[in-house]
């Protein structure tokens, strides 16, 4: 049958304890240290990510504010340009109206003068026309 040997049991127990101590130092401690470092790295990266996310949101908000200001300034500039162009157009229209009124007055004046010249020319020709008509009537009768 089987006999129990206390010395053999003691040797196996010592070998088992030695194996556990060796595995703890050679395998378990490096794994535990690696996992702790990994947890610290993950926590640090998470914290940095949150900081960057907050910073990114602030930058996005700032960029939106800058864009809004730029849009407002562009609208002001456009409105100013429109008003300036409108006033220039009104001045140009007023100037042209004055010029056209002046040209119209000159035209009507010349037209009246020509009318008077034609009228005078025709009136001066009336006696000749009368004579000519009398001569023609007298020849015809």
C-alpha atoms as a PDB file:
ATOM      1  CA  UNK A   1       0.000   0.000   0.000  1.00  0.00           C
ATOM      2  CA  UNK A   2       0.826   3.547   0.010  1.00  0.00           C
ATOM      3  CA  UNK A   3       2.950   4.850   2.682  1.00  0.00           C
ATOM      4  CA  UNK A   4       3.187   8.423   3.611  1.00  0.00           C
ATOM      5  CA  UNK A   5       6.628   9.759   3.853  1.00  0.00           C
ATOM      6  CA  UNK A   6       6.882  12.899   5.966  1.00  0.00           C
ATOM      7  CA  UNK A   7      10.243  13.860   4.492  1.00  0.00           C
ATOM      8  CA  UNK A   8       8.893  13.603   0.952  1.00  0.00           C
ATOM      9  CA  UNK A   9       5.859  15.678   1.935  1.00  0.00           C
ATOM     10  CA  UNK A  10       8.127  18.296   3.474  1.00  0.00           C
ATOM     11  CA  UNK A  11      10.260  18.439   0.320  1.00  0.00           C
ATOM     12  CA  UNK A  12       7.156  18.794  -1.896  1.00  0.00           C
ATOM     13  CA  UNK A  13       5.814  21.499   0.432  1.00  0.00           C
ATOM     14  CA  UNK A  14       9.126  23.409   0.286  1.00  0.00           C
ATOM     15  CA  UNK A  15       9.271  23.062  -3.487  1.00  0.00           C
ATOM     16  CA  UNK A  16       5.670  24.298  -3.771  1.00  0.00           C
ATOM     17  CA  UNK A  17       6.363  27.315  -1.548  1.00  0.00           C
ATOM     18  CA  UNK A  18       9.587  28.027  -3.487  1.00  0.00           C
ATOM     19  CA  UNK A  19       7.689  27.804  -6.761  1.00  0.00           C
ATOM     20  CA  UNK A  20       5.039  30.232  -5.495  1.00  0.00           C
ATOM     21  CA  UNK A  21       7.728  32.698  -4.295  1.00  0.00           C
ATOM     22  CA  UNK A  22       9.626  32.385  -7.593  1.00  0.00           C
ATOM     23  CA  UNK A  23       6.459  32.829  -9.709  1.00  0.00           C
ATOM     24  CA  UNK A  24       5.431  35.793  -7.562  1.00  0.00           C
ATOM     25  CA  UNK A  25       8.744  37.561  -8.145  1.00  0.00           C
ATOM     26  CA  UNK A  26       9.287  36.496 -11.739  1.00  0.00           C
ATOM     27  CA  UNK A  27       5.744  36.582 -13.119  1.00  0.00           C
ATOM     28  CA  UNK A  28       3.042  38.043 -10.859  1.00  0.00           C
ATOM     29  CA  UNK A  29       4.851  41.195  -9.658  1.00  0.00           C
ATOM     30  CA  UNK A  30       5.784  42.365 -13.212  1.00  0.00           C
ATOM     31  CA  UNK A  31       2.223  41.709 -14.396  1.00  0.00           C
ATOM     32  CA  UNK A  32       0.770  43.615 -11.441  1.00  0.00           C
ATOM     33  CA  UNK A  33       3.227  46.501 -11.990  1.00  0.00           C
ATOM     34  CA  UNK A  34       2.382  46.569 -15.704  1.00  0.00           C
ATOM     35  CA  UNK A  35      -1.362  46.637 -14.954  1.00  0.00           C
ATOM     36  CA  UNK A  36      -0.890  49.455 -12.399  1.00  0.00           C
ATOM     37  CA  UNK A  37       1.136  51.498 -14.917  1.00  0.00           C
ATOM     38  CA  UNK A  38      -1.461  50.828 -17.579  1.00  0.00           C
ATOM     39  CA  UNK A  39      -4.246  52.009 -15.242  1.00  0.00           C
ATOM     40  CA  UNK A  40      -2.271  55.169 -14.433  1.00  0.00           C
ATOM     41  CA  UNK A  41      -1.608  55.797 -18.142  1.00  0.00           C
ATOM     42  CA  UNK A  42      -5.282  55.311 -18.975  1.00  0.00           C
ATOM     43  CA  UNK A  43      -6.328  57.662 -16.155  1.00  0.00           C
ATOM     44  CA  UNK A  44      -3.783  60.260 -17.283  1.00  0.00           C
ATOM     45  CA  UNK A  45      -4.882  59.978 -20.936  1.00  0.00           C
ATOM     46  CA  UNK A  46      -8.523  60.232 -19.882  1.00  0.00           C
ATOM     47  CA  UNK A  47      -7.793  63.371 -17.856  1.00  0.00           C
ATOM     48  CA  UNK A  48      -5.839  64.929 -20.742  1.00  0.00           C
ATOM     49  CA  UNK A  49      -8.628  63.980 -23.133  1.00  0.00           C
ATOM     50  CA  UNK A  50     -11.195  65.712 -20.934  1.00  0.00           C
ATOM     51  CA  UNK A  51      -8.971  68.792 -20.680  1.00  0.00           C
ATOM     52  CA  UNK A  52      -8.471  68.825 -24.437  1.00  0.00           C
ATOM     53  CA  UNK A  53     -12.183  68.288 -24.974  1.00  0.00           C
ATOM     54  CA  UNK A  54     -12.950  71.252 -22.736  1.00  0.00           C
ATOM     55  CA  UNK A  55     -10.265  73.272 -24.480  1.00  0.00           C
ATOM     56  CA  UNK A  56     -11.634  72.264 -27.874  1.00  0.00           C
ATOM     57  CA  UNK A  57     -15.135  73.326 -26.848  1.00  0.00           C
ATOM     58  CA  UNK A  58     -13.795  76.678 -25.644  1.00  0.00           C
ATOM     59  CA  UNK A  59     -11.865  77.133 -28.888  1.00  0.00           C
ATOM     60  CA  UNK A  60     -14.937  76.195 -30.913  1.00  0.00           C
ATOM     61  CA  UNK A  61     -17.035  78.692 -28.981  1.00  0.00           C
ATOM     62  CA  UNK A  62     -14.363  81.368 -29.451  1.00  0.00           C
ATOM     63  CA  UNK A  63     -14.163  80.592 -33.168  1.00  0.00           C
ATOM     64  CA  UNK A  64     -17.950  80.877 -33.438  1.00  0.00           C
ATOM     65  CA  UNK A  65     -17.858  84.232 -31.660  1.00  0.00           C
ATOM     66  CA  UNK A  66     -15.131  85.468 -34.010  1.00  0.00           C
ATOM     67  CA  UNK A  67     -17.149  84.290 -37.020  1.00  0.00           C
ATOM     68  CA  UNK A  68     -20.256  86.031 -35.693  1.00  0.00           C
ATOM     69  CA  UNK A  69     -18.324  89.284 -35.213  1.00  0.00           C
ATOM     70  CA  UNK A  70     -16.867  88.957 -38.711  1.00  0.00           C
ATOM     71  CA  UNK A  71     -20.354  88.416 -40.152  1.00  0.00           C
ATOM     72  CA  UNK A  72     -21.646  91.496 -38.325  1.00  0.00           C
ATOM     73  CA  UNK A  73     -18.739  93.593 -39.582  1.00  0.00           C
ATOM     74  CA  UNK A  74     -19.249  92.287 -43.114  1.00  0.00           C
ATOM     75  CA  UNK A  75     -22.927  93.203 -42.905  1.00  0.00           C
ATOM     76  CA  UNK A  76     -22.034  96.690 -41.651  1.00  0.00           C
ATOM     77  CA  UNK A  77     -19.496  97.124 -44.449  1.00  0.00           C
ATOM     78  CA  UNK A  78     -21.977  95.900 -47.042  1.00  0.00           C
ATOM     79  CA  UNK A  79     -24.696  98.201 -45.687  1.00  0.00           C
ATOM     80  CA  UNK A  80     -22.255 101.104 -45.695  1.00  0.00           C
ATOM     81  CA  UNK A  81     -21.222 100.332 -49.278  1.00  0.00           C
ATOM     82  CA  UNK A  82     -24.869 100.109 -50.325  1.00  0.00           C
ATOM     83  CA  UNK A  83     -25.679 103.433 -48.681  1.00  0.00           C
ATOM     84  CA  UNK A  84     -22.625 105.063 -50.230  1.00  0.00           C
ATOM     85  CA  UNK A  85     -23.457 103.712 -53.679  1.00  0.00           C
ATOM     86  CA  UNK A  86     -27.066 104.812 -53.252  1.00  0.00           C
ATOM     87  CA  UNK A  87     -26.053 108.345 -52.308  1.00  0.00           C
ATOM     88  CA  UNK A  88     -23.616 108.468 -55.247  1.00  0.00           C
ATOM     89  CA  UNK A  89     -26.369 107.265 -57.571  1.00  0.00           C
ATOM     90  CA  UNK A  90     -28.768 109.890 -56.225  1.00  0.00           C
ATOM     91  CA  UNK A  91     -26.155 112.611 -56.751  1.00  0.00           C
ATOM     92  CA  UNK A  92     -25.478 111.366 -60.275  1.00  0.00           C
ATOM     93  CA  UNK A  93     -29.205 111.228 -61.041  1.00  0.00           C
ATOM     94  CA  UNK A  94     -29.698 114.762 -59.704  1.00  0.00           C
ATOM     95  CA  UNK A  95     -26.776 116.020 -61.790  1.00  0.00           C
ATOM     96  CA  UNK A  96     -28.112 114.321 -64.921  1.00  0.00           C
ATOM     97  CA  UNK A  97     -31.602 115.698 -64.285  1.00  0.00           C
ATOM     98  CA  UNK A  98     -30.191 119.216 -64.065  1.00  0.00           C
ATOM     99  CA  UNK A  99     -28.173 118.676 -67.249  1.00  0.00           C
ATOM    100  CA  UNK A 100     -31.200 117.251 -69.062  1.00  0.00           C
ATOM    101  CA  UNK A 101     -33.416 120.127 -67.897  1.00  0.00           C
ATOM    102  CA  UNK A 102     -30.813 122.593 -69.120  1.00  0.00           C
ATOM    103  CA  UNK A 103     -30.476 120.784 -72.456  1.00  0.00           C
ATOM    104  CA  UNK A 104     -34.286 120.684 -72.800  1.00  0.00           C
ATOM    105  CA  UNK A 105     -34.551 124.405 -72.130  1.00  0.00           C
ATOM    106  CA  UNK A 106     -31.841 125.130 -74.701  1.00  0.00           C
ATOM    107  CA  UNK A 107     -33.569 122.855 -77.214  1.00  0.00           C
ATOM    108  CA  UNK A 108     -36.943 124.519 -76.720  1.00  0.00           C
ATOM    109  CA  UNK A 109     -35.300 127.955 -76.973  1.00  0.00           C
ATOM    110  CA  UNK A 110     -33.584 127.015 -80.259  1.00  0.00           C
ATOM    111  CA  UNK A 111     -36.822 125.510 -81.508  1.00  0.00           C
ATOM    112  CA  UNK A 112     -38.666 128.751 -80.731  1.00  0.00           C
ATOM    113  CA  UNK A 113     -35.923 130.737 -82.451  1.00  0.00           C
ATOM    114  CA  UNK A 114     -36.106 128.539 -85.550  1.00  0.00           C
ATOM    115  CA  UNK A 115     -39.889 128.810 -85.509  1.00  0.00           C
ATOM    116  CA  UNK A 116     -39.645 132.590 -85.398  1.00  0.00           C
ATOM    117  CA  UNK A 117     -37.054 132.558 -88.195  1.00  0.00           C
ATOM    118  CA  UNK A 118     -39.301 130.359 -90.343  1.00  0.00           C
ATOM    119  CA  UNK A 119     -42.316 132.496 -89.549  1.00  0.00           C
ATOM    120  CA  UNK A 120     -40.419 135.673 -90.428  1.00  0.00           C
ATOM    121  CA  UNK A 121     -39.035 134.014 -93.526  1.00  0.00           C
ATOM    122  CA  UNK A 122     -42.514 132.986 -94.612  1.00  0.00           C
ATOM    123  CA  UNK A 123     -43.973 136.418 -93.797  1.00  0.00           C
ATOM    124  CA  UNK A 124     -41.280 138.082 -95.864  1.00  0.00           C
ATOM    125  CA  UNK A 125     -42.128 135.744 -98.719  1.00  0.00           C
ATOM    126  CA  UNK A 126     -45.896 136.364 -98.507  1.00  0.00           C
ATOM    127  CA  UNK A 127     -45.888 139.399-100.860  1.00  0.00           C
ATOM    128  CA  UNK A 128     -43.900 137.423-103.438  1.00  0.00           C
ATOM    129  CA  UNK A 129     -46.255 134.508-103.118  1.00  0.00           C
ATOM    130  CA  UNK A 130     -49.256 136.846-103.526  1.00  0.00           C
ATOM    131  CA  UNK A 131     -47.733 138.335-106.648  1.00  0.00           C
ATOM    132  CA  UNK A 132     -46.959 134.915-107.999  1.00  0.00           C
ATOM    133  CA  UNK A 133     -50.492 133.712-107.306  1.00  0.00           C
ATOM    134  CA  UNK A 134     -51.976 136.816-108.902  1.00  0.00           C
ATOM    135  CA  UNK A 135     -49.805 136.272-111.903  1.00  0.00           C
ATOM    136  CA  UNK A 136     -50.883 132.680-112.211  1.00  0.00           C
ATOM    137  CA  UNK A 137     -54.563 133.535-111.756  1.00  0.00           C
ATOM    138  CA  UNK A 138     -54.369 136.290-114.251  1.00  0.00           C
ATOM    139  CA  UNK A 139     -52.724 133.995-116.805  1.00  0.00           C
ATOM    140  CA  UNK A 140     -55.287 131.305-116.188  1.00  0.00           C
ATOM    141  CA  UNK A 141     -58.217 133.712-116.732  1.00  0.00           C
END
